[in-house]
Amino acid sequence: MNYMEINKIPTTKQEGYKFIITEDKKEIASSFLYLLYNDHHERPFGLIEYVIVDEANRGEGLGTKVVEAMIGQAKKDNCYKLICTSRLTKPKVHAWYEKLGFNDWGKEFRMDF
């Protein structure tokens, strides 16, 4: 059986931001927002990764502030969707994302290298 050749074409544009909250010059909350483009949409989609709040500052609403800032940025950048992932073992995190307006959309499949 003959297979077609697989070609690799570089994508044209990817962007990203790191959102941080500092206190006394120390980073106490942060996350990354990546804007990704594909051929199926003219507009980018946003990917949130690593929402982290310093353990001593958890429960102060800092994670919510960071995520709300990223939602605002994704809207400003005209994203057609915004996605984030969470481990299956984190039901409190899932409830938090849902409270912020995200829908439980499915599973993440991952391969670590």
Protein backbone atom coordinates (compact mmCIF):
# COMPACT_ATOMS: atom_id res chain seq x y z
CA MET A 1 0.00 0.00 0.00
CA ASN A 2 1.36 3.41 -0.96
CA TYR A 3 0.93 6.24 1.48
CA MET A 4 0.87 9.88 0.70
CA GLU A 5 3.83 11.93 1.80
CA ILE A 6 3.52 13.86 5.05
CA ASN A 7 4.65 17.47 4.70
CA LYS A 8 5.54 19.81 7.54
CA ILE A 9 4.62 23.48 7.10
CA PRO A 10 5.58 26.00 9.79
CA THR A 11 2.68 27.95 11.25
CA THR A 12 2.78 31.65 10.71
CA LYS A 13 1.98 33.15 14.07
CA GLN A 14 1.88 32.20 17.75
CA GLU A 15 1.87 34.59 20.71
CA GLY A 16 1.90 34.33 24.45
CA TYR A 17 1.72 36.26 27.68
CA LYS A 18 2.75 35.58 31.25
CA PHE A 19 0.40 37.11 33.80
CA ILE A 20 1.86 37.70 37.25
CA ILE A 21 0.87 39.20 40.55
CA THR A 22 3.73 40.38 42.75
CA GLU A 23 3.97 41.42 46.35
CA ASP A 24 7.12 43.05 47.68
CA LYS A 25 8.82 42.20 44.35
CA LYS A 26 8.01 38.48 44.85
CA GLU A 27 5.87 36.63 42.31
CA ILE A 28 2.92 35.21 44.27
CA ALA A 29 0.59 34.19 41.41
CA SER A 30 1.12 33.54 37.73
CA SER A 31 -0.15 31.84 34.63
CA PHE A 32 0.49 31.69 30.90
CA LEU A 33 -1.88 32.51 28.06
CA TYR A 34 -0.92 31.26 24.63
CA LEU A 35 -2.65 32.48 21.47
CA LEU A 36 -2.58 29.79 18.81
CA TYR A 37 -3.63 29.98 15.19
CA ASN A 38 -4.66 27.30 12.73
CA ASP A 39 -5.95 27.12 9.15
CA HIS A 40 -9.52 26.34 10.23
CA HIS A 41 -10.20 29.71 11.88
CA GLU A 42 -9.22 33.26 11.08
CA ARG A 43 -9.21 34.05 14.80
CA PRO A 44 -6.83 32.54 17.37
CA PHE A 45 -7.77 30.36 20.30
CA GLY A 46 -6.37 30.83 23.77
CA LEU A 47 -4.73 28.18 25.92
CA ILE A 48 -4.26 28.78 29.63
CA GLU A 49 -1.47 26.84 31.28
CA TYR A 50 -0.06 26.68 34.81
CA VAL A 51 -2.26 28.77 37.04
CA ILE A 52 -0.04 28.86 40.12
CA VAL A 53 -0.58 30.68 43.41
CA ASP A 54 2.04 30.68 46.14
CA GLU A 55 0.88 28.32 48.89
CA ALA A 56 0.93 31.09 51.52
CA ASN A 57 -1.43 33.21 49.38
CA ARG A 58 -4.01 30.61 48.37
CA GLY A 59 -7.62 31.44 49.13
CA GLU A 60 -7.11 35.19 48.56
CA GLY A 61 -8.67 35.22 45.08
CA LEU A 62 -5.37 35.72 43.26
CA GLY A 63 -5.87 32.80 40.89
CA THR A 64 -9.29 34.17 40.01
CA LYS A 65 -7.80 37.61 39.31
CA VAL A 66 -5.16 36.12 37.02
CA VAL A 67 -7.66 33.96 35.12
CA GLU A 68 -10.11 36.86 34.77
CA ALA A 69 -7.28 38.98 33.35
CA MET A 70 -6.51 36.22 30.84
CA ILE A 71 -10.18 35.92 29.87
CA GLY A 72 -10.20 39.67 29.23
CA GLN A 73 -7.03 39.42 27.15
CA ALA A 74 -8.39 36.50 25.11
CA LYS A 75 -11.51 38.56 24.35
CA LYS A 76 -9.36 41.59 23.47
CA ASP A 77 -7.31 39.40 21.12
CA ASN A 78 -10.56 38.17 19.50
CA CYS A 79 -10.11 34.49 20.41
CA TYR A 80 -12.89 32.19 19.25
CA LYS A 81 -12.39 29.96 22.31
CA LEU A 82 -10.34 29.73 25.47
CA ILE A 83 -9.29 26.38 26.88
CA CYS A 84 -7.52 25.18 29.98
CA THR A 85 -6.75 21.77 31.40
CA SER A 86 -6.86 20.23 34.83
CA ARG A 87 -6.01 16.81 36.19
CA LEU A 88 -8.92 14.45 36.79
CA THR A 89 -7.88 14.25 40.44
CA LYS A 90 -8.64 17.95 41.08
CA PRO A 91 -12.44 18.28 41.48
CA LYS A 92 -12.12 21.54 43.46
CA VAL A 93 -10.16 23.07 40.59
CA HIS A 94 -12.80 21.84 38.12
CA ALA A 95 -15.56 23.48 40.18
CA TRP A 96 -13.51 26.69 40.32
CA TYR A 97 -13.11 26.79 36.51
CA GLU A 98 -16.84 26.19 36.11
CA LYS A 99 -17.55 29.04 38.55
CA LEU A 100 -15.41 31.27 36.30
CA GLY A 101 -17.56 30.34 33.29
CA PHE A 102 -15.71 27.41 31.72
CA ASN A 103 -17.58 24.27 30.63
CA ASP A 104 -16.33 20.74 31.28
CA TRP A 105 -15.69 19.81 27.66
CA GLY A 106 -13.86 16.49 27.78
CA LYS A 107 -10.59 14.81 28.53
CA GLU A 108 -7.03 15.83 27.92
CA PHE A 109 -4.75 13.25 26.37
CA ARG A 110 -1.10 13.76 27.04
CA MET A 111 2.28 12.30 26.21
CA ASP A 112 5.21 13.39 28.39
CA PHE A 113 8.75 13.38 27.01
